Structure formats: structure tokens, C-alpha cells
Amino acid sequence: MTVHLLQHRKAEDDYESVKALGIYATREDAEDAIGRFLRLPGFSEHPDGFSIDEYTVGKDCWPEGFVPWSESVGKKEGDIPGWR
């Protein structure tokens, strides 16, 4: 089963604010939700911050682990194991 995670990102002065807004059965449902969120304060001022990511239920997403952002700055894809 595939689900669609709707998130909103907004760059702050020294960090990025990320909000998980909902998980939907279809991409179309997630796109409809964006329309609803765009009518709300905060989201309406930052309409380009929405993203929809597809996930498979029951499947691990980070099987090789992760590298902290500070260690990945300036590196290219392939320089870090597990980075795709």
C-alpha cells in the first residue's frame, strides 16, 4: 500500500520549520488538502512550501542510516554511502 505524506517547509532565520500536515491515500487527496491549507494563516503566506512524498507502508525508509547535514555540506551524490 502506498500513502502520500503532505508537509510544509518554511525557512526561518537560522533553521527550517517543517510541519507534517497529513497522510493521504492518493496524491489527488493530498493536492486537495493543499487547497484547504492555503486558506489558513501562515500557509497562505508561504504557498511554495508544500511537498508531497510517496511512501510504501511497511517498508523502511533509511536502511543505510544517515549522515548529519553538517557532514554532507559540499559533498556530491555518491560521496556518502547510502546517499541516493
PDB file of N, CA and C in Angstrom:
ATOM      1  N   MET A   1       0.840  -1.172   0.000  1.00  0.00           N
ATOM      2  CA  MET A   1       0.000   0.000   0.000  1.00  0.00           C
ATOM      3  C   MET A   1       0.892   1.244   0.000  1.00  0.00           C
ATOM      4  N   THR A   2       0.552   2.181  -0.839  1.00  0.00           N
ATOM      5  CA  THR A   2       1.283   3.439  -0.945  1.00  0.00           C
ATOM      6  C   THR A   2       0.467   4.559  -0.309  1.00  0.00           C
ATOM      7  N   VAL A   3       1.138   5.419   0.443  1.00  0.00           N
ATOM      8  CA  VAL A   3       0.490   6.592   1.036  1.00  0.00           C
ATOM      9  C   VAL A   3       1.279   7.836   0.624  1.00  0.00           C
ATOM     10  N   HIS A   4       0.643   8.993   0.798  1.00  0.00           N
ATOM     11  CA  HIS A   4       1.242  10.257   0.381  1.00  0.00           C
ATOM     12  C   HIS A   4       1.300  11.206   1.573  1.00  0.00           C
ATOM     13  N   LEU A   5       2.511  11.580   1.961  1.00  0.00           N
ATOM     14  CA  LEU A   5       2.744  12.462   3.103  1.00  0.00           C
ATOM     15  C   LEU A   5       2.805  13.906   2.615  1.00  0.00           C
ATOM     16  N   LEU A   6       1.931  14.739   3.157  1.00  0.00           N
ATOM     17  CA  LEU A   6       1.920  16.165   2.839  1.00  0.00           C
ATOM     18  C   LEU A   6       2.650  16.916   3.942  1.00  0.00           C
ATOM     19  N   GLN A   7       3.647  17.705   3.557  1.00  0.00           N
ATOM     20  CA  GLN A   7       4.412  18.508   4.507  1.00  0.00           C
ATOM     21  C   GLN A   7       4.483  19.954   4.028  1.00  0.00           C
ATOM     22  N   HIS A   8       4.813  20.831   4.964  1.00  0.00           N
ATOM     23  CA  HIS A   8       5.049  22.232   4.622  1.00  0.00           C
ATOM     24  C   HIS A   8       6.358  22.661   5.266  1.00  0.00           C
ATOM     25  N   ARG A   9       7.219  23.285   4.466  1.00  0.00           N
ATOM     26  CA  ARG A   9       8.512  23.772   4.944  1.00  0.00           C
ATOM     27  C   ARG A   9       8.558  25.288   4.808  1.00  0.00           C
ATOM     28  N   LYS A  10       9.161  25.908   5.820  1.00  0.00           N
ATOM     29  CA  LYS A  10       9.355  27.361   5.788  1.00  0.00           C
ATOM     30  C   LYS A  10      10.719  27.661   6.388  1.00  0.00           C
ATOM     31  N   ALA A  11      11.543  28.357   5.624  1.00  0.00           N
ATOM     32  CA  ALA A  11      12.869  28.728   6.111  1.00  0.00           C
ATOM     33  C   ALA A  11      12.735  29.861   7.118  1.00  0.00           C
ATOM     34  N   GLU A  12      13.317  29.655   8.279  1.00  0.00           N
ATOM     35  CA  GLU A  12      13.379  30.695   9.303  1.00  0.00           C
ATOM     36  C   GLU A  12      14.773  31.315   9.228  1.00  0.00           C
ATOM     37  N   ASP A  13      15.093  32.212  10.131  1.00  0.00           N
ATOM     38  CA  ASP A  13      16.400  32.872  10.095  1.00  0.00           C
ATOM     39  C   ASP A  13      17.559  31.880  10.147  1.00  0.00           C
ATOM     40  N   ASP A  14      17.519  30.952  11.093  1.00  0.00           N
ATOM     41  CA  ASP A  14      18.647  30.037  11.248  1.00  0.00           C
ATOM     42  C   ASP A  14      18.237  28.566  11.283  1.00  0.00           C
ATOM     43  N   TYR A  15      17.023  28.269  10.866  1.00  0.00           N
ATOM     44  CA  TYR A  15      16.587  26.879  10.799  1.00  0.00           C
ATOM     45  C   TYR A  15      15.420  26.767   9.828  1.00  0.00           C
ATOM     46  N   GLU A  16      15.002  25.535   9.587  1.00  0.00           N
ATOM     47  CA  GLU A  16      13.868  25.284   8.706  1.00  0.00           C
ATOM     48  C   GLU A  16      12.737  24.670   9.518  1.00  0.00           C
ATOM     49  N   SER A  17      11.562  25.244   9.424  1.00  0.00           N
ATOM     50  CA  SER A  17      10.381  24.728  10.106  1.00  0.00           C
ATOM     51  C   SER A  17       9.675  23.749   9.167  1.00  0.00           C
ATOM     52  N   VAL A  18       9.468  22.520   9.627  1.00  0.00           N
ATOM     53  CA  VAL A  18       8.798  21.504   8.817  1.00  0.00           C
ATOM     54  C   VAL A  18       7.594  20.989   9.592  1.00  0.00           C
ATOM     55  N   LYS A  19       6.438  20.995   8.932  1.00  0.00           N
ATOM     56  CA  LYS A  19       5.205  20.507   9.557  1.00  0.00           C
ATOM     57  C   LYS A  19       4.648  19.362   8.729  1.00  0.00           C
ATOM     58  N   ALA A  20       4.401  18.213   9.358  1.00  0.00           N
ATOM     59  CA  ALA A  20       3.684  17.118   8.705  1.00  0.00           C
ATOM     60  C   ALA A  20       2.201  17.456   8.806  1.00  0.00           C
ATOM     61  N   LEU A  21       1.530  17.581   7.660  1.00  0.00           N
ATOM     62  CA  LEU A  21       0.141  18.042   7.641  1.00  0.00           C
ATOM     63  C   LEU A  21      -0.873  16.922   7.505  1.00  0.00           C
ATOM     64  N   GLY A  22      -0.472  15.800   6.938  1.00  0.00           N
ATOM     65  CA  GLY A  22      -1.408  14.696   6.791  1.00  0.00           C
ATOM     66  C   GLY A  22      -0.846  13.595   5.918  1.00  0.00           C
ATOM     67  N   ILE A  23      -1.455  12.431   6.040  1.00  0.00           N
ATOM     68  CA  ILE A  23      -1.102  11.270   5.223  1.00  0.00           C
ATOM     69  C   ILE A  23      -2.355  10.873   4.466  1.00  0.00           C
ATOM     70  N   TYR A  24      -2.229  10.743   3.147  1.00  0.00           N
ATOM     71  CA  TYR A  24      -3.392  10.548   2.281  1.00  0.00           C
ATOM     72  C   TYR A  24      -3.227   9.307   1.411  1.00  0.00           C
ATOM     73  N   ALA A  25      -4.353   8.724   1.034  1.00  0.00           N
ATOM     74  CA  ALA A  25      -4.352   7.503   0.224  1.00  0.00           C
ATOM     75  C   ALA A  25      -3.911   7.766  -1.209  1.00  0.00           C
ATOM     76  N   THR A  26      -4.194   8.956  -1.722  1.00  0.00           N
ATOM     77  CA  THR A  26      -3.828   9.267  -3.108  1.00  0.00           C
ATOM     78  C   THR A  26      -3.152  10.631  -3.181  1.00  0.00           C
ATOM     79  N   ARG A  27      -2.403  10.830  -4.239  1.00  0.00           N
ATOM     80  CA  ARG A  27      -1.776  12.133  -4.479  1.00  0.00           C
ATOM     81  C   ARG A  27      -2.851  13.208  -4.645  1.00  0.00           C
ATOM     82  N   GLU A  28      -3.941  12.847  -5.306  1.00  0.00           N
ATOM     83  CA  GLU A  28      -5.033  13.795  -5.522  1.00  0.00           C
ATOM     84  C   GLU A  28      -5.620  14.275  -4.195  1.00  0.00           C
ATOM     85  N   ASP A  29      -5.774  13.356  -3.234  1.00  0.00           N
ATOM     86  CA  ASP A  29      -6.270  13.744  -1.902  1.00  0.00           C
ATOM     87  C   ASP A  29      -5.311  14.737  -1.236  1.00  0.00           C
ATOM     88  N   ALA A  30      -4.012  14.490  -1.367  1.00  0.00           N
ATOM     89  CA  ALA A  30      -3.014  15.388  -0.781  1.00  0.00           C
ATOM     90  C   ALA A  30      -3.057  16.755  -1.464  1.00  0.00           C
ATOM     91  N   GLU A  31      -3.224  16.762  -2.784  1.00  0.00           N
ATOM     92  CA  GLU A  31      -3.323  18.031  -3.513  1.00  0.00           C
ATOM     93  C   GLU A  31      -4.578  18.803  -3.102  1.00  0.00           C
ATOM     94  N   ASP A  32      -5.682  18.093  -2.883  1.00  0.00           N
ATOM     95  CA  ASP A  32      -6.901  18.749  -2.395  1.00  0.00           C
ATOM     96  C   ASP A  32      -6.663  19.385  -1.025  1.00  0.00           C
ATOM     97  N   ALA A  33      -5.906  18.695  -0.177  1.00  0.00           N
ATOM     98  CA  ALA A  33      -5.608  19.220   1.159  1.00  0.00           C
ATOM     99  C   ALA A  33      -4.789  20.507   1.072  1.00  0.00           C
ATOM    100  N   ILE A  34      -3.883  20.584   0.104  1.00  0.00           N
ATOM    101  CA  ILE A  34      -3.108  21.818  -0.070  1.00  0.00           C
ATOM    102  C   ILE A  34      -4.053  22.990  -0.273  1.00  0.00           C
ATOM    103  N   GLY A  35      -5.080  22.792  -1.080  1.00  0.00           N
ATOM    104  CA  GLY A  35      -6.064  23.850  -1.304  1.00  0.00           C
ATOM    105  C   GLY A  35      -6.719  24.312  -0.015  1.00  0.00           C
ATOM    106  N   ARG A  36      -6.995  23.376   0.883  1.00  0.00           N
ATOM    107  CA  ARG A  36      -7.596  23.746   2.173  1.00  0.00           C
ATOM    108  C   ARG A  36      -6.597  24.499   3.051  1.00  0.00           C
ATOM    109  N   PHE A  37      -5.342  24.019   3.088  1.00  0.00           N
ATOM    110  CA  PHE A  37      -4.326  24.677   3.915  1.00  0.00           C
ATOM    111  C   PHE A  37      -3.997  26.075   3.404  1.00  0.00           C
ATOM    112  N   LEU A  38      -4.085  26.277   2.096  1.00  0.00           N
ATOM    113  CA  LEU A  38      -3.774  27.594   1.528  1.00  0.00           C
ATOM    114  C   LEU A  38      -4.721  28.691   2.002  1.00  0.00           C
ATOM    115  N   ARG A  39      -5.849  28.306   2.553  1.00  0.00           N
ATOM    116  CA  ARG A  39      -6.806  29.290   3.085  1.00  0.00           C
ATOM    117  C   ARG A  39      -6.496  29.674   4.532  1.00  0.00           C
ATOM    118  N   LEU A  40      -5.486  29.048   5.119  1.00  0.00           N
ATOM    119  CA  LEU A  40      -5.168  29.268   6.537  1.00  0.00           C
ATOM    120  C   LEU A  40      -3.985  30.213   6.715  1.00  0.00           C
ATOM    121  N   PRO A  41      -3.987  30.969   7.823  1.00  0.00           N
ATOM    122  CA  PRO A  41      -2.854  31.858   8.107  1.00  0.00           C
ATOM    123  C   PRO A  41      -1.548  31.070   8.180  1.00  0.00           C
ATOM    124  N   GLY A  42      -0.489  31.692   7.749  1.00  0.00           N
ATOM    125  CA  GLY A  42       0.822  31.044   7.746  1.00  0.00           C
ATOM    126  C   GLY A  42       1.058  30.314   6.443  1.00  0.00           C
ATOM    127  N   PHE A  43       0.198  29.367   6.135  1.00  0.00           N
ATOM    128  CA  PHE A  43       0.341  28.615   4.892  1.00  0.00           C
ATOM    129  C   PHE A  43       0.071  29.504   3.681  1.00  0.00           C
ATOM    130  N   SER A  44      -0.906  30.397   3.801  1.00  0.00           N
ATOM    131  CA  SER A  44      -1.248  31.268   2.672  1.00  0.00           C
ATOM    132  C   SER A  44      -0.119  32.251   2.350  1.00  0.00           C
ATOM    133  N   GLU A  45       0.703  32.592   3.345  1.00  0.00           N
ATOM    134  CA  GLU A  45       1.830  33.491   3.113  1.00  0.00           C
ATOM    135  C   GLU A  45       3.042  32.771   2.524  1.00  0.00           C
ATOM    136  N   HIS A  46       3.020  31.442   2.549  1.00  0.00           N
ATOM    137  CA  HIS A  46       4.155  30.642   2.051  1.00  0.00           C
ATOM    138  C   HIS A  46       3.630  29.494   1.187  1.00  0.00           C
ATOM    139  N   PRO A  47       3.013  29.820   0.052  1.00  0.00           N
ATOM    140  CA  PRO A  47       2.370  28.790  -0.773  1.00  0.00           C
ATOM    141  C   PRO A  47       3.332  27.836  -1.472  1.00  0.00           C
ATOM    142  N   ASP A  48       4.608  28.187  -1.567  1.00  0.00           N
ATOM    143  CA  ASP A  48       5.571  27.314  -2.243  1.00  0.00           C
ATOM    144  C   ASP A  48       6.211  26.296  -1.307  1.00  0.00           C
ATOM    145  N   GLY A  49       5.790  26.258  -0.049  1.00  0.00           N
ATOM    146  CA  GLY A  49       6.422  25.375   0.923  1.00  0.00           C
ATOM    147  C   GLY A  49       5.865  23.965   0.994  1.00  0.00           C
ATOM    148  N   PHE A  50       4.848  23.657   0.205  1.00  0.00           N
ATOM    149  CA  PHE A  50       4.219  22.333   0.278  1.00  0.00           C
ATOM    150  C   PHE A  50       5.007  21.292  -0.510  1.00  0.00           C
ATOM    151  N   SER A  51       5.026  20.069   0.022  1.00  0.00           N
ATOM    152  CA  SER A  51       5.605  18.941  -0.713  1.00  0.00           C
ATOM    153  C   SER A  51       4.791  17.686  -0.413  1.00  0.00           C
ATOM    154  N   ILE A  52       4.738  16.814  -1.399  1.00  0.00           N
ATOM    155  CA  ILE A  52       4.047  15.533  -1.257  1.00  0.00           C
ATOM    156  C   ILE A  52       5.066  14.442  -1.559  1.00  0.00           C
ATOM    157  N   ASP A  53       5.265  13.540  -0.604  1.00  0.00           N
ATOM    158  CA  ASP A  53       6.193  12.427  -0.775  1.00  0.00           C
ATOM    159  C   ASP A  53       5.430  11.116  -0.684  1.00  0.00           C
ATOM    160  N   GLU A  54       5.820  10.177  -1.512  1.00  0.00           N
ATOM    161  CA  GLU A  54       5.162   8.871  -1.573  1.00  0.00           C
ATOM    162  C   GLU A  54       5.951   7.860  -0.744  1.00  0.00           C
ATOM    163  N   TYR A  55       5.239   7.089   0.072  1.00  0.00           N
ATOM    164  CA  TYR A  55       5.856   6.062   0.911  1.00  0.00           C
ATOM    165  C   TYR A  55       5.090   4.756   0.780  1.00  0.00           C
ATOM    166  N   THR A  56       5.814   3.653   0.926  1.00  0.00           N
ATOM    167  CA  THR A  56       5.202   2.333   0.944  1.00  0.00           C
ATOM    168  C   THR A  56       5.063   1.893   2.393  1.00  0.00           C
ATOM    169  N   VAL A  57       3.846   1.550   2.804  1.00  0.00           N
ATOM    170  CA  VAL A  57       3.588   1.116   4.175  1.00  0.00           C
ATOM    171  C   VAL A  57       4.345  -0.186   4.435  1.00  0.00           C
ATOM    172  N   GLY A  58       5.015  -0.260   5.576  1.00  0.00           N
ATOM    173  CA  GLY A  58       5.739  -1.458   5.966  1.00  0.00           C
ATOM    174  C   GLY A  58       7.151  -1.548   5.419  1.00  0.00           C
ATOM    175  N   LYS A  59       7.604  -0.518   4.702  1.00  0.00           N
ATOM    176  CA  LYS A  59       8.951  -0.526   4.126  1.00  0.00           C
ATOM    177  C   LYS A  59       9.816   0.502   4.852  1.00  0.00           C
ATOM    178  N   ASP A  60      11.013   0.083   5.270  1.00  0.00           N
ATOM    179  CA  ASP A  60      11.949   1.004   5.913  1.00  0.00           C
ATOM    180  C   ASP A  60      12.395   2.065   4.917  1.00  0.00           C
ATOM    181  N   CYS A  61      12.565   3.288   5.403  1.00  0.00           N
ATOM    182  CA  CYS A  61      12.950   4.401   4.529  1.00  0.00           C
ATOM    183  C   CYS A  61      14.427   4.776   4.618  1.00  0.00           C
ATOM    184  N   TRP A  62      15.095   4.433   5.683  1.00  0.00           N
ATOM    185  CA  TRP A  62      16.503   4.803   5.855  1.00  0.00           C
ATOM    186  C   TRP A  62      17.333   3.553   6.169  1.00  0.00           C
ATOM    187  N   PRO A  63      17.350   2.549   5.295  1.00  0.00           N
ATOM    188  CA  PRO A  63      18.003   1.279   5.620  1.00  0.00           C
ATOM    189  C   PRO A  63      19.517   1.364   5.788  1.00  0.00           C
ATOM    190  N   GLU A  64      20.167   2.397   5.236  1.00  0.00           N
ATOM    191  CA  GLU A  64      21.620   2.529   5.374  1.00  0.00           C
ATOM    192  C   GLU A  64      22.018   3.529   6.449  1.00  0.00           C
ATOM    193  N   GLY A  65      21.043   4.055   7.198  1.00  0.00           N
ATOM    194  CA  GLY A  65      21.345   5.070   8.196  1.00  0.00           C
ATOM    195  C   GLY A  65      21.346   6.451   7.559  1.00  0.00           C
ATOM    196  N   PHE A  66      21.975   7.426   8.230  1.00  0.00           N
ATOM    197  CA  PHE A  66      22.008   8.791   7.705  1.00  0.00           C
ATOM    198  C   PHE A  66      23.293   9.487   8.119  1.00  0.00           C
ATOM    199  N   VAL A  67      23.576  10.570   7.444  1.00  0.00           N
ATOM    200  CA  VAL A  67      24.726  11.409   7.748  1.00  0.00           C
ATOM    201  C   VAL A  67      24.183  12.773   8.154  1.00  0.00           C
ATOM    202  N   PRO A  68      24.640  13.343   9.265  1.00  0.00           N
ATOM    203  CA  PRO A  68      24.160  14.666   9.663  1.00  0.00           C
ATOM    204  C   PRO A  68      24.389  15.697   8.554  1.00  0.00           C
ATOM    205  N   TRP A  69      23.469  16.642   8.461  1.00  0.00           N
ATOM    206  CA  TRP A  69      23.545  17.673   7.424  1.00  0.00           C
ATOM    207  C   TRP A  69      24.913  18.356   7.426  1.00  0.00           C
ATOM    208  N   SER A  70      25.441  18.638   8.606  1.00  0.00           N
ATOM    209  CA  SER A  70      26.720  19.350   8.700  1.00  0.00           C
ATOM    210  C   SER A  70      27.856  18.570   8.042  1.00  0.00           C
ATOM    211  N   GLU A  71      27.750  17.240   7.992  1.00  0.00           N
ATOM    212  CA  GLU A  71      28.785  16.421   7.365  1.00  0.00           C
ATOM    213  C   GLU A  71      28.572  16.261   5.866  1.00  0.00           C
ATOM    214  N   SER A  72      27.388  16.607   5.364  1.00  0.00           N
ATOM    215  CA  SER A  72      27.099  16.422   3.944  1.00  0.00           C
ATOM    216  C   SER A  72      27.295  17.697   3.122  1.00  0.00           C
ATOM    217  N   VAL A  73      27.433  18.835   3.775  1.00  0.00           N
ATOM    218  CA  VAL A  73      27.579  20.110   3.066  1.00  0.00           C
ATOM    219  C   VAL A  73      28.816  20.066   2.175  1.00  0.00           C
ATOM    220  N   GLY A  74      28.630  20.412   0.919  1.00  0.00           N
ATOM    221  CA  GLY A  74      29.735  20.458  -0.030  1.00  0.00           C
ATOM    222  C   GLY A  74      30.064  19.134  -0.687  1.00  0.00           C
ATOM    223  N   LYS A  75      29.372  18.074  -0.303  1.00  0.00           N
ATOM    224  CA  LYS A  75      29.628  16.769  -0.910  1.00  0.00           C
ATOM    225  C   LYS A  75      28.623  16.502  -2.015  1.00  0.00           C
ATOM    226  N   LYS A  76      28.990  15.594  -2.911  1.00  0.00           N
ATOM    227  CA  LYS A  76      28.120  15.245  -4.026  1.00  0.00           C
ATOM    228  C   LYS A  76      27.515  13.866  -3.807  1.00  0.00           C
ATOM    229  N   GLU A  77      26.431  13.611  -4.555  1.00  0.00           N
ATOM    230  CA  GLU A  77      25.805  12.296  -4.509  1.00  0.00           C
ATOM    231  C   GLU A  77      26.866  11.257  -4.853  1.00  0.00           C
ATOM    232  N   GLY A  78      26.916  10.201  -4.110  1.00  0.00           N
ATOM    233  CA  GLY A  78      27.907   9.159  -4.329  1.00  0.00           C
ATOM    234  C   GLY A  78      29.102   9.275  -3.399  1.00  0.00           C
ATOM    235  N   ASP A  79      29.360  10.474  -2.855  1.00  0.00           N
ATOM    236  CA  ASP A  79      30.465  10.653  -1.913  1.00  0.00           C
ATOM    237  C   ASP A  79      30.134  10.087  -0.539  1.00  0.00           C
ATOM    238  N   ILE A  80      28.835   9.932  -0.269  1.00  0.00           N
ATOM    239  CA  ILE A  80      28.382   9.464   1.035  1.00  0.00           C
ATOM    240  C   ILE A  80      27.668   8.132   0.849  1.00  0.00           C
ATOM    241  N   PRO A  81      28.091   7.074   1.545  1.00  0.00           N
ATOM    242  CA  PRO A  81      27.422   5.776   1.408  1.00  0.00           C
ATOM    243  C   PRO A  81      25.930   5.879   1.710  1.00  0.00           C
ATOM    244  N   GLY A  82      25.119   5.268   0.880  1.00  0.00           N
ATOM    245  CA  GLY A  82      23.679   5.245   1.096  1.00  0.00           C
ATOM    246  C   GLY A  82      22.941   6.455   0.565  1.00  0.00           C
ATOM    247  N   TRP A  83      23.660   7.465   0.091  1.00  0.00           N
ATOM    248  CA  TRP A  83      23.006   8.664  -0.443  1.00  0.00           C
ATOM    249  C   TRP A  83      22.590   8.392  -1.873  1.00  0.00           C
ATOM    250  N   ARG A  84      21.313   8.538  -2.133  1.00  0.00           N
ATOM    251  CA  ARG A  84      20.806   8.274  -3.491  1.00  0.00           C
ATOM    252  C   ARG A  84      20.162   9.498  -4.044  1.00  0.00           C
TER     253      ARG A  84
END
